[in-house]
Amino acid sequence: MFAVIFRAKTGQQDGQYAEMVKVMRDLAFEKYGCLDFIAVTEGDQEIAISYWNAEADIQNWHRDSQHALAQQFGREKWYASYTVQVVEVKRQYSFNQ
């Protein structure tokens, strides 16, 4: 299993941002096999973690034309900065799920 960790300092997020978040989330699940997607914001910091079965699914999602447009808007107005990490999950532990 793989995870994509998106950490950002937010910029000006508007109604178009909220719509794009929904589109990106739906696209990840419906077209590219995303397993889970969690996002939180505190102050001007945002973190989103998505989980995937295969690295190829992440790469295909990243290359999607709608995702490219979201990235462009993100750089132009929604984020002051961001970092993306793609990691492989070696182990997973759970309690009382």
PDB file of N, CA and C in Angstrom:
ATOM      1  N   MET A   1       0.856  -1.174   0.000  1.00  0.00           N
ATOM      2  CA  MET A   1       0.000   0.000   0.000  1.00  0.00           C
ATOM      3  C   MET A   1       0.903   1.239   0.000  1.00  0.00           C
ATOM      4  N   PHE A   2       0.408   2.289  -0.630  1.00  0.00           N
ATOM      5  CA  PHE A   2       1.123   3.557  -0.727  1.00  0.00           C
ATOM      6  C   PHE A   2       0.258   4.676  -0.155  1.00  0.00           C
ATOM      7  N   ALA A   3       0.917   5.749   0.260  1.00  0.00           N
ATOM      8  CA  ALA A   3       0.213   6.931   0.739  1.00  0.00           C
ATOM      9  C   ALA A   3       0.814   8.162   0.074  1.00  0.00           C
ATOM     10  N   VAL A   4      -0.053   9.126  -0.223  1.00  0.00           N
ATOM     11  CA  VAL A   4       0.381  10.434  -0.704  1.00  0.00           C
ATOM     12  C   VAL A   4       0.084  11.419   0.418  1.00  0.00           C
ATOM     13  N   ILE A   5       1.130  12.105   0.869  1.00  0.00           N
ATOM     14  CA  ILE A   5       0.997  13.090   1.940  1.00  0.00           C
ATOM     15  C   ILE A   5       1.168  14.464   1.319  1.00  0.00           C
ATOM     16  N   PHE A   6       0.115  15.257   1.380  1.00  0.00           N
ATOM     17  CA  PHE A   6       0.107  16.610   0.824  1.00  0.00           C
ATOM     18  C   PHE A   6       0.062  17.579   1.984  1.00  0.00           C
ATOM     19  N   ARG A   7       1.116  18.389   2.143  1.00  0.00           N
ATOM     20  CA  ARG A   7       1.172  19.401   3.212  1.00  0.00           C
ATOM     21  C   ARG A   7       1.264  20.756   2.554  1.00  0.00           C
ATOM     22  N   ALA A   8       0.438  21.704   3.026  1.00  0.00           N
ATOM     23  CA  ALA A   8       0.400  23.009   2.367  1.00  0.00           C
ATOM     24  C   ALA A   8       0.202  24.140   3.351  1.00  0.00           C
ATOM     25  N   LYS A   9       0.696  25.293   2.934  1.00  0.00           N
ATOM     26  CA  LYS A   9       0.354  26.553   3.585  1.00  0.00           C
ATOM     27  C   LYS A   9      -0.705  27.164   2.675  1.00  0.00           C
ATOM     28  N   THR A  10      -1.882  27.415   3.227  1.00  0.00           N
ATOM     29  CA  THR A  10      -3.002  27.854   2.405  1.00  0.00           C
ATOM     30  C   THR A  10      -2.851  29.301   1.958  1.00  0.00           C
ATOM     31  N   GLY A  11      -3.466  29.575   0.815  1.00  0.00           N
ATOM     32  CA  GLY A  11      -3.550  30.929   0.285  1.00  0.00           C
ATOM     33  C   GLY A  11      -5.005  31.352   0.317  1.00  0.00           C
ATOM     34  N   GLN A  12      -5.485  31.946  -0.757  1.00  0.00           N
ATOM     35  CA  GLN A  12      -6.872  32.406  -0.859  1.00  0.00           C
ATOM     36  C   GLN A  12      -7.743  31.266  -1.386  1.00  0.00           C
ATOM     37  N   GLN A  13      -8.506  30.631  -0.513  1.00  0.00           N
ATOM     38  CA  GLN A  13      -9.380  29.532  -0.922  1.00  0.00           C
ATOM     39  C   GLN A  13     -10.808  30.049  -1.039  1.00  0.00           C
ATOM     40  N   ASP A  14     -11.398  29.844  -2.205  1.00  0.00           N
ATOM     41  CA  ASP A  14     -12.709  30.386  -2.518  1.00  0.00           C
ATOM     42  C   ASP A  14     -13.699  29.253  -2.790  1.00  0.00           C
ATOM     43  N   GLY A  15     -14.878  29.604  -3.281  1.00  0.00           N
ATOM     44  CA  GLY A  15     -15.893  28.607  -3.603  1.00  0.00           C
ATOM     45  C   GLY A  15     -15.435  27.633  -4.674  1.00  0.00           C
ATOM     46  N   GLN A  16     -14.648  28.114  -5.610  1.00  0.00           N
ATOM     47  CA  GLN A  16     -14.117  27.247  -6.664  1.00  0.00           C
ATOM     48  C   GLN A  16     -13.189  26.188  -6.052  1.00  0.00           C
ATOM     49  N   TYR A  17     -12.464  26.560  -5.002  1.00  0.00           N
ATOM     50  CA  TYR A  17     -11.589  25.615  -4.307  1.00  0.00           C
ATOM     51  C   TYR A  17     -12.409  24.453  -3.740  1.00  0.00           C
ATOM     52  N   ALA A  18     -13.483  24.768  -3.038  1.00  0.00           N
ATOM     53  CA  ALA A  18     -14.320  23.722  -2.433  1.00  0.00           C
ATOM     54  C   ALA A  18     -14.889  22.783  -3.493  1.00  0.00           C
ATOM     55  N   GLU A  19     -15.293  23.335  -4.633  1.00  0.00           N
ATOM     56  CA  GLU A  19     -15.804  22.510  -5.725  1.00  0.00           C
ATOM     57  C   GLU A  19     -14.709  21.605  -6.278  1.00  0.00           C
ATOM     58  N   MET A  20     -13.505  22.158  -6.438  1.00  0.00           N
ATOM     59  CA  MET A  20     -12.398  21.375  -6.993  1.00  0.00           C
ATOM     60  C   MET A  20     -11.980  20.259  -6.051  1.00  0.00           C
ATOM     61  N   VAL A  21     -12.005  20.511  -4.751  1.00  0.00           N
ATOM     62  CA  VAL A  21     -11.677  19.471  -3.777  1.00  0.00           C
ATOM     63  C   VAL A  21     -12.609  18.283  -3.956  1.00  0.00           C
ATOM     64  N   LYS A  22     -13.900  18.549  -4.113  1.00  0.00           N
ATOM     65  CA  LYS A  22     -14.866  17.468  -4.313  1.00  0.00           C
ATOM     66  C   LYS A  22     -14.592  16.710  -5.602  1.00  0.00           C
ATOM     67  N   VAL A  23     -14.312  17.428  -6.673  1.00  0.00           N
ATOM     68  CA  VAL A  23     -14.017  16.790  -7.957  1.00  0.00           C
ATOM     69  C   VAL A  23     -12.774  15.902  -7.838  1.00  0.00           C
ATOM     70  N   MET A  24     -11.722  16.415  -7.199  1.00  0.00           N
ATOM     71  CA  MET A  24     -10.477  15.648  -7.053  1.00  0.00           C
ATOM     72  C   MET A  24     -10.689  14.398  -6.211  1.00  0.00           C
ATOM     73  N   ARG A  25     -11.440  14.544  -5.144  1.00  0.00           N
ATOM     74  CA  ARG A  25     -11.731  13.407  -4.269  1.00  0.00           C
ATOM     75  C   ARG A  25     -12.519  12.335  -5.026  1.00  0.00           C
ATOM     76  N   ASP A  26     -13.578  12.752  -5.727  1.00  0.00           N
ATOM     77  CA  ASP A  26     -14.390  11.804  -6.496  1.00  0.00           C
ATOM     78  C   ASP A  26     -13.566  11.123  -7.580  1.00  0.00           C
ATOM     79  N   LEU A  27     -12.742  11.893  -8.267  1.00  0.00           N
ATOM     80  CA  LEU A  27     -11.890  11.359  -9.326  1.00  0.00           C
ATOM     81  C   LEU A  27     -10.934  10.312  -8.765  1.00  0.00           C
ATOM     82  N   ALA A  28     -10.318  10.617  -7.637  1.00  0.00           N
ATOM     83  CA  ALA A  28      -9.369   9.687  -7.025  1.00  0.00           C
ATOM     84  C   ALA A  28     -10.048   8.350  -6.693  1.00  0.00           C
ATOM     85  N   PHE A  29     -11.238   8.403  -6.124  1.00  0.00           N
ATOM     86  CA  PHE A  29     -11.943   7.186  -5.751  1.00  0.00           C
ATOM     87  C   PHE A  29     -12.528   6.448  -6.951  1.00  0.00           C
ATOM     88  N   GLU A  30     -13.222   7.161  -7.813  1.00  0.00           N
ATOM     89  CA  GLU A  30     -13.998   6.523  -8.879  1.00  0.00           C
ATOM     90  C   GLU A  30     -13.167   6.074 -10.070  1.00  0.00           C
ATOM     91  N   LYS A  31     -12.118   6.800 -10.391  1.00  0.00           N
ATOM     92  CA  LYS A  31     -11.360   6.486 -11.605  1.00  0.00           C
ATOM     93  C   LYS A  31     -10.002   5.855 -11.323  1.00  0.00           C
ATOM     94  N   TYR A  32      -9.410   6.166 -10.165  1.00  0.00           N
ATOM     95  CA  TYR A  32      -8.028   5.744  -9.937  1.00  0.00           C
ATOM     96  C   TYR A  32      -7.817   4.822  -8.743  1.00  0.00           C
ATOM     97  N   GLY A  33      -8.881   4.394  -8.100  1.00  0.00           N
ATOM     98  CA  GLY A  33      -8.774   3.366  -7.075  1.00  0.00           C
ATOM     99  C   GLY A  33      -8.238   3.808  -5.724  1.00  0.00           C
ATOM    100  N   CYS A  34      -8.423   5.063  -5.387  1.00  0.00           N
ATOM    101  CA  CYS A  34      -8.011   5.544  -4.065  1.00  0.00           C
ATOM    102  C   CYS A  34      -8.773   4.760  -2.994  1.00  0.00           C
ATOM    103  N   LEU A  35      -8.069   4.369  -1.943  1.00  0.00           N
ATOM    104  CA  LEU A  35      -8.670   3.581  -0.870  1.00  0.00           C
ATOM    105  C   LEU A  35      -9.262   4.440   0.239  1.00  0.00           C
ATOM    106  N   ASP A  36      -8.593   5.548   0.558  1.00  0.00           N
ATOM    107  CA  ASP A  36      -9.047   6.436   1.618  1.00  0.00           C
ATOM    108  C   ASP A  36      -8.429   7.803   1.377  1.00  0.00           C
ATOM    109  N   PHE A  37      -9.094   8.845   1.856  1.00  0.00           N
ATOM    110  CA  PHE A  37      -8.629  10.219   1.637  1.00  0.00           C
ATOM    111  C   PHE A  37      -9.059  11.037   2.843  1.00  0.00           C
ATOM    112  N   ILE A  38      -8.082  11.556   3.576  1.00  0.00           N
ATOM    113  CA  ILE A  38      -8.350  12.294   4.805  1.00  0.00           C
ATOM    114  C   ILE A  38      -7.664  13.658   4.696  1.00  0.00           C
ATOM    115  N   ALA A  39      -8.379  14.732   5.013  1.00  0.00           N
ATOM    116  CA  ALA A  39      -7.784  16.070   4.962  1.00  0.00           C
ATOM    117  C   ALA A  39      -8.227  16.883   6.171  1.00  0.00           C
ATOM    118  N   VAL A  40      -7.285  17.651   6.729  1.00  0.00           N
ATOM    119  CA  VAL A  40      -7.590  18.548   7.845  1.00  0.00           C
ATOM    120  C   VAL A  40      -6.854  19.866   7.637  1.00  0.00           C
ATOM    121  N   THR A  41      -7.451  20.933   8.172  1.00  0.00           N
ATOM    122  CA  THR A  41      -6.841  22.256   8.116  1.00  0.00           C
ATOM    123  C   THR A  41      -6.830  22.840   9.518  1.00  0.00           C
ATOM    124  N   GLU A  42      -5.701  23.432   9.879  1.00  0.00           N
ATOM    125  CA  GLU A  42      -5.581  24.126  11.161  1.00  0.00           C
ATOM    126  C   GLU A  42      -4.848  25.432  10.890  1.00  0.00           C
ATOM    127  N   GLY A  43      -5.552  26.535  11.092  1.00  0.00           N
ATOM    128  CA  GLY A  43      -4.963  27.834  10.767  1.00  0.00           C
ATOM    129  C   GLY A  43      -4.687  27.913   9.282  1.00  0.00           C
ATOM    130  N   ASP A  44      -3.440  28.212   8.922  1.00  0.00           N
ATOM    131  CA  ASP A  44      -3.090  28.288   7.509  1.00  0.00           C
ATOM    132  C   ASP A  44      -2.360  27.029   7.030  1.00  0.00           C
ATOM    133  N   GLN A  45      -2.437  25.952   7.824  1.00  0.00           N
ATOM    134  CA  GLN A  45      -1.781  24.699   7.466  1.00  0.00           C
ATOM    135  C   GLN A  45      -2.831  23.654   7.074  1.00  0.00           C
ATOM    136  N   GLU A  46      -2.569  22.945   5.998  1.00  0.00           N
ATOM    137  CA  GLU A  46      -3.458  21.875   5.541  1.00  0.00           C
ATOM    138  C   GLU A  46      -2.623  20.622   5.331  1.00  0.00           C
ATOM    139  N   ILE A  47      -3.201  19.478   5.690  1.00  0.00           N
ATOM    140  CA  ILE A  47      -2.575  18.200   5.383  1.00  0.00           C
ATOM    141  C   ILE A  47      -3.648  17.262   4.861  1.00  0.00           C
ATOM    142  N   ALA A  48      -3.321  16.581   3.794  1.00  0.00           N
ATOM    143  CA  ALA A  48      -4.224  15.584   3.214  1.00  0.00           C
ATOM    144  C   ALA A  48      -3.409  14.324   2.977  1.00  0.00           C
ATOM    145  N   ILE A  49      -3.976  13.195   3.354  1.00  0.00           N
ATOM    146  CA  ILE A  49      -3.315  11.908   3.145  1.00  0.00           C
ATOM    147  C   ILE A  49      -4.280  11.011   2.390  1.00  0.00           C
ATOM    148  N   SER A  50      -3.808  10.477   1.284  1.00  0.00           N
ATOM    149  CA  SER A  50      -4.614   9.527   0.521  1.00  0.00           C
ATOM    150  C   SER A  50      -3.861   8.198   0.463  1.00  0.00           C
ATOM    151  N   TYR A  51      -4.623   7.112   0.422  1.00  0.00           N
ATOM    152  CA  TYR A  51      -4.046   5.765   0.435  1.00  0.00           C
ATOM    153  C   TYR A  51      -4.416   5.044  -0.858  1.00  0.00           C
ATOM    154  N   TRP A  52      -3.449   4.282  -1.378  1.00  0.00           N
ATOM    155  CA  TRP A  52      -3.572   3.647  -2.691  1.00  0.00           C
ATOM    156  C   TRP A  52      -2.968   2.242  -2.655  1.00  0.00           C
ATOM    157  N   ASN A  53      -3.500   1.351  -3.495  1.00  0.00           N
ATOM    158  CA  ASN A  53      -2.926   0.006  -3.613  1.00  0.00           C
ATOM    159  C   ASN A  53      -1.636  -0.005  -4.402  1.00  0.00           C
ATOM    160  N   ALA A  54      -1.543   0.827  -5.434  1.00  0.00           N
ATOM    161  CA  ALA A  54      -0.401   0.760  -6.347  1.00  0.00           C
ATOM    162  C   ALA A  54       0.130   2.151  -6.672  1.00  0.00           C
ATOM    163  N   GLU A  55       1.428   2.238  -6.813  1.00  0.00           N
ATOM    164  CA  GLU A  55       2.049   3.505  -7.171  1.00  0.00           C
ATOM    165  C   GLU A  55       1.610   3.956  -8.561  1.00  0.00           C
ATOM    166  N   ALA A  56       1.346   3.012  -9.459  1.00  0.00           N
ATOM    167  CA  ALA A  56       0.878   3.355 -10.812  1.00  0.00           C
ATOM    168  C   ALA A  56      -0.453   4.103 -10.759  1.00  0.00           C
ATOM    169  N   ASP A  57      -1.330   3.749  -9.816  1.00  0.00           N
ATOM    170  CA  ASP A  57      -2.609   4.460  -9.664  1.00  0.00           C
ATOM    171  C   ASP A  57      -2.368   5.918  -9.284  1.00  0.00           C
ATOM    172  N   ILE A  58      -1.400   6.157  -8.408  1.00  0.00           N
ATOM    173  CA  ILE A  58      -1.054   7.521  -7.996  1.00  0.00           C
ATOM    174  C   ILE A  58      -0.534   8.307  -9.195  1.00  0.00           C
ATOM    175  N   GLN A  59       0.348   7.692  -9.958  1.00  0.00           N
ATOM    176  CA  GLN A  59       0.922   8.365 -11.127  1.00  0.00           C
ATOM    177  C   GLN A  59      -0.148   8.702 -12.160  1.00  0.00           C
ATOM    178  N   ASN A  60      -1.082   7.781 -12.385  1.00  0.00           N
ATOM    179  CA  ASN A  60      -2.165   8.038 -13.335  1.00  0.00           C
ATOM    180  C   ASN A  60      -3.060   9.168 -12.859  1.00  0.00           C
ATOM    181  N   TRP A  61      -3.365   9.197 -11.575  1.00  0.00           N
ATOM    182  CA  TRP A  61      -4.172  10.276 -10.992  1.00  0.00           C
ATOM    183  C   TRP A  61      -3.439  11.603 -11.134  1.00  0.00           C
ATOM    184  N   HIS A  62      -2.144  11.590 -10.865  1.00  0.00           N
ATOM    185  CA  HIS A  62      -1.334  12.811 -10.950  1.00  0.00           C
ATOM    186  C   HIS A  62      -1.327  13.376 -12.373  1.00  0.00           C
ATOM    187  N   ARG A  63      -1.362  12.498 -13.374  1.00  0.00           N
ATOM    188  CA  ARG A  63      -1.315  12.927 -14.781  1.00  0.00           C
ATOM    189  C   ARG A  63      -2.683  13.288 -15.359  1.00  0.00           C
ATOM    190  N   ASP A  64      -3.752  13.039 -14.633  1.00  0.00           N
ATOM    191  CA  ASP A  64      -5.092  13.342 -15.118  1.00  0.00           C
ATOM    192  C   ASP A  64      -5.219  14.836 -15.436  1.00  0.00           C
ATOM    193  N   SER A  65      -5.893  15.171 -16.538  1.00  0.00           N
ATOM    194  CA  SER A  65      -5.992  16.575 -16.967  1.00  0.00           C
ATOM    195  C   SER A  65      -6.730  17.443 -15.944  1.00  0.00           C
ATOM    196  N   GLN A  66      -7.743  16.902 -15.272  1.00  0.00           N
ATOM    197  CA  GLN A  66      -8.444  17.674 -14.246  1.00  0.00           C
ATOM    198  C   GLN A  66      -7.533  17.933 -13.045  1.00  0.00           C
ATOM    199  N   HIS A  67      -6.709  16.945 -12.713  1.00  0.00           N
ATOM    200  CA  HIS A  67      -5.773  17.110 -11.607  1.00  0.00           C
ATOM    201  C   HIS A  67      -4.712  18.149 -11.967  1.00  0.00           C
ATOM    202  N   ALA A  68      -4.280  18.153 -13.213  1.00  0.00           N
ATOM    203  CA  ALA A  68      -3.309  19.156 -13.670  1.00  0.00           C
ATOM    204  C   ALA A  68      -3.889  20.565 -13.538  1.00  0.00           C
ATOM    205  N   LEU A  69      -5.159  20.722 -13.867  1.00  0.00           N
ATOM    206  CA  LEU A  69      -5.818  22.013 -13.726  1.00  0.00           C
ATOM    207  C   LEU A  69      -5.900  22.423 -12.254  1.00  0.00           C
ATOM    208  N   ALA A  70      -6.242  21.475 -11.386  1.00  0.00           N
ATOM    209  CA  ALA A  70      -6.298  21.756  -9.948  1.00  0.00           C
ATOM    210  C   ALA A  70      -4.927  22.183  -9.428  1.00  0.00           C
ATOM    211  N   GLN A  71      -3.878  21.529  -9.900  1.00  0.00           N
ATOM    212  CA  GLN A  71      -2.518  21.895  -9.487  1.00  0.00           C
ATOM    213  C   GLN A  71      -2.175  23.312  -9.937  1.00  0.00           C
ATOM    214  N   GLN A  72      -2.573  23.654 -11.146  1.00  0.00           N
ATOM    215  CA  GLN A  72      -2.314  25.000 -11.662  1.00  0.00           C
ATOM    216  C   GLN A  72      -3.002  26.051 -10.787  1.00  0.00           C
ATOM    217  N   PHE A  73      -4.301  25.846 -10.507  1.00  0.00           N
ATOM    218  CA  PHE A  73      -5.028  26.785  -9.645  1.00  0.00           C
ATOM    219  C   PHE A  73      -4.406  26.830  -8.247  1.00  0.00           C
ATOM    220  N   GLY A  74      -3.978  25.668  -7.748  1.00  0.00           N
ATOM    221  CA  GLY A  74      -3.344  25.608  -6.440  1.00  0.00           C
ATOM    222  C   GLY A  74      -2.114  26.491  -6.370  1.00  0.00           C
ATOM    223  N   ARG A  75      -1.270  26.398  -7.395  1.00  0.00           N
ATOM    224  CA  ARG A  75      -0.051  27.223  -7.421  1.00  0.00           C
ATOM    225  C   ARG A  75      -0.373  28.700  -7.616  1.00  0.00           C
ATOM    226  N   GLU A  76      -1.396  29.005  -8.409  1.00  0.00           N
ATOM    227  CA  GLU A  76      -1.720  30.395  -8.722  1.00  0.00           C
ATOM    228  C   GLU A  76      -2.425  31.128  -7.593  1.00  0.00           C
ATOM    229  N   LYS A  77      -3.313  30.418  -6.831  1.00  0.00           N
ATOM    230  CA  LYS A  77      -4.080  31.168  -5.846  1.00  0.00           C
ATOM    231  C   LYS A  77      -4.436  30.440  -4.555  1.00  0.00           C
ATOM    232  N   TRP A  78      -4.585  29.137  -4.546  1.00  0.00           N
ATOM    233  CA  TRP A  78      -5.101  28.467  -3.365  1.00  0.00           C
ATOM    234  C   TRP A  78      -4.052  28.146  -2.315  1.00  0.00           C
ATOM    235  N   TYR A  79      -2.792  28.040  -2.725  1.00  0.00           N
ATOM    236  CA  TYR A  79      -1.730  27.676  -1.783  1.00  0.00           C
ATOM    237  C   TYR A  79      -0.559  28.633  -1.891  1.00  0.00           C
ATOM    238  N   ALA A  80       0.005  28.990  -0.749  1.00  0.00           N
ATOM    239  CA  ALA A  80       1.231  29.780  -0.716  1.00  0.00           C
ATOM    240  C   ALA A  80       2.428  28.870  -0.995  1.00  0.00           C
ATOM    241  N   SER A  81       2.330  27.629  -0.532  1.00  0.00           N
ATOM    242  CA  SER A  81       3.366  26.622  -0.782  1.00  0.00           C
ATOM    243  C   SER A  81       2.781  25.251  -0.467  1.00  0.00           C
ATOM    244  N   TYR A  82       3.408  24.213  -1.019  1.00  0.00           N
ATOM    245  CA  TYR A  82       3.016  22.854  -0.671  1.00  0.00           C
ATOM    246  C   TYR A  82       4.144  21.874  -0.937  1.00  0.00           C
ATOM    247  N   THR A  83       4.057  20.727  -0.281  1.00  0.00           N
ATOM    248  CA  THR A  83       4.985  19.622  -0.452  1.00  0.00           C
ATOM    249  C   THR A  83       4.164  18.349  -0.595  1.00  0.00           C
ATOM    250  N   VAL A  84       4.585  17.483  -1.503  1.00  0.00           N
ATOM    251  CA  VAL A  84       3.923  16.198  -1.699  1.00  0.00           C
ATOM    252  C   VAL A  84       4.951  15.095  -1.488  1.00  0.00           C
ATOM    253  N   GLN A  85       4.582  14.121  -0.678  1.00  0.00           N
ATOM    254  CA  GLN A  85       5.430  12.954  -0.452  1.00  0.00           C
ATOM    255  C   GLN A  85       4.635  11.709  -0.833  1.00  0.00           C
ATOM    256  N   VAL A  86       5.265  10.801  -1.559  1.00  0.00           N
ATOM    257  CA  VAL A  86       4.677   9.504  -1.863  1.00  0.00           C
ATOM    258  C   VAL A  86       5.503   8.477  -1.092  1.00  0.00           C
ATOM    259  N   VAL A  87       4.826   7.747  -0.227  1.00  0.00           N
ATOM    260  CA  VAL A  87       5.523   6.799   0.642  1.00  0.00           C
ATOM    261  C   VAL A  87       4.880   5.415   0.530  1.00  0.00           C
ATOM    262  N   GLU A  88       5.684   4.394   0.804  1.00  0.00           N
ATOM    263  CA  GLU A  88       5.158   3.043   0.847  1.00  0.00           C
ATOM    264  C   GLU A  88       4.902   2.675   2.301  1.00  0.00           C
ATOM    265  N   VAL A  89       3.727   2.164   2.579  1.00  0.00           N
ATOM    266  CA  VAL A  89       3.355   1.756   3.935  1.00  0.00           C
ATOM    267  C   VAL A  89       3.886   0.335   4.138  1.00  0.00           C
ATOM    268  N   LYS A  90       4.787   0.190   5.082  1.00  0.00           N
ATOM    269  CA  LYS A  90       5.405  -1.122   5.345  1.00  0.00           C
ATOM    270  C   LYS A  90       4.589  -1.953   6.328  1.00  0.00           C
ATOM    271  N   ARG A  91       4.022  -1.292   7.322  1.00  0.00           N
ATOM    272  CA  ARG A  91       3.218  -1.975   8.336  1.00  0.00           C
ATOM    273  C   ARG A  91       2.044  -1.076   8.703  1.00  0.00           C
ATOM    274  N   GLN A  92       1.005  -1.723   9.212  1.00  0.00           N
ATOM    275  CA  GLN A  92      -0.155  -0.975   9.677  1.00  0.00           C
ATOM    276  C   GLN A  92      -0.667  -1.636  10.937  1.00  0.00           C
ATOM    277  N   TYR A  93      -0.976  -0.814  11.942  1.00  0.00           N
ATOM    278  CA  TYR A  93      -1.514  -1.306  13.204  1.00  0.00           C
ATOM    279  C   TYR A  93      -2.850  -0.616  13.442  1.00  0.00           C
ATOM    280  N   SER A  94      -3.765  -1.319  14.091  1.00  0.00           N
ATOM    281  CA  SER A  94      -5.064  -0.733  14.379  1.00  0.00           C
ATOM    282  C   SER A  94      -5.493  -1.136  15.790  1.00  0.00           C
ATOM    283  N   PHE A  95      -6.380  -0.329  16.347  1.00  0.00           N
ATOM    284  CA  PHE A  95      -7.000  -0.632  17.624  1.00  0.00           C
ATOM    285  C   PHE A  95      -8.483  -0.355  17.510  1.00  0.00           C
ATOM    286  N   ASN A  96      -9.293  -1.336  17.837  1.00  0.00           N
ATOM    287  CA  ASN A  96     -10.730  -1.160  17.987  1.00  0.00           C
ATOM    288  C   ASN A  96     -11.410  -0.523  16.778  1.00  0.00           C
ATOM    289  N   GLN A  97     -11.124  -1.047  15.610  1.00  0.00           N
ATOM    290  CA  GLN A  97     -11.786  -0.490  14.413  1.00  0.00           C
ATOM    291  C   GLN A  97     -13.052  -1.218  14.218  1.00  0.00           C
TER     292      GLN A  97
END
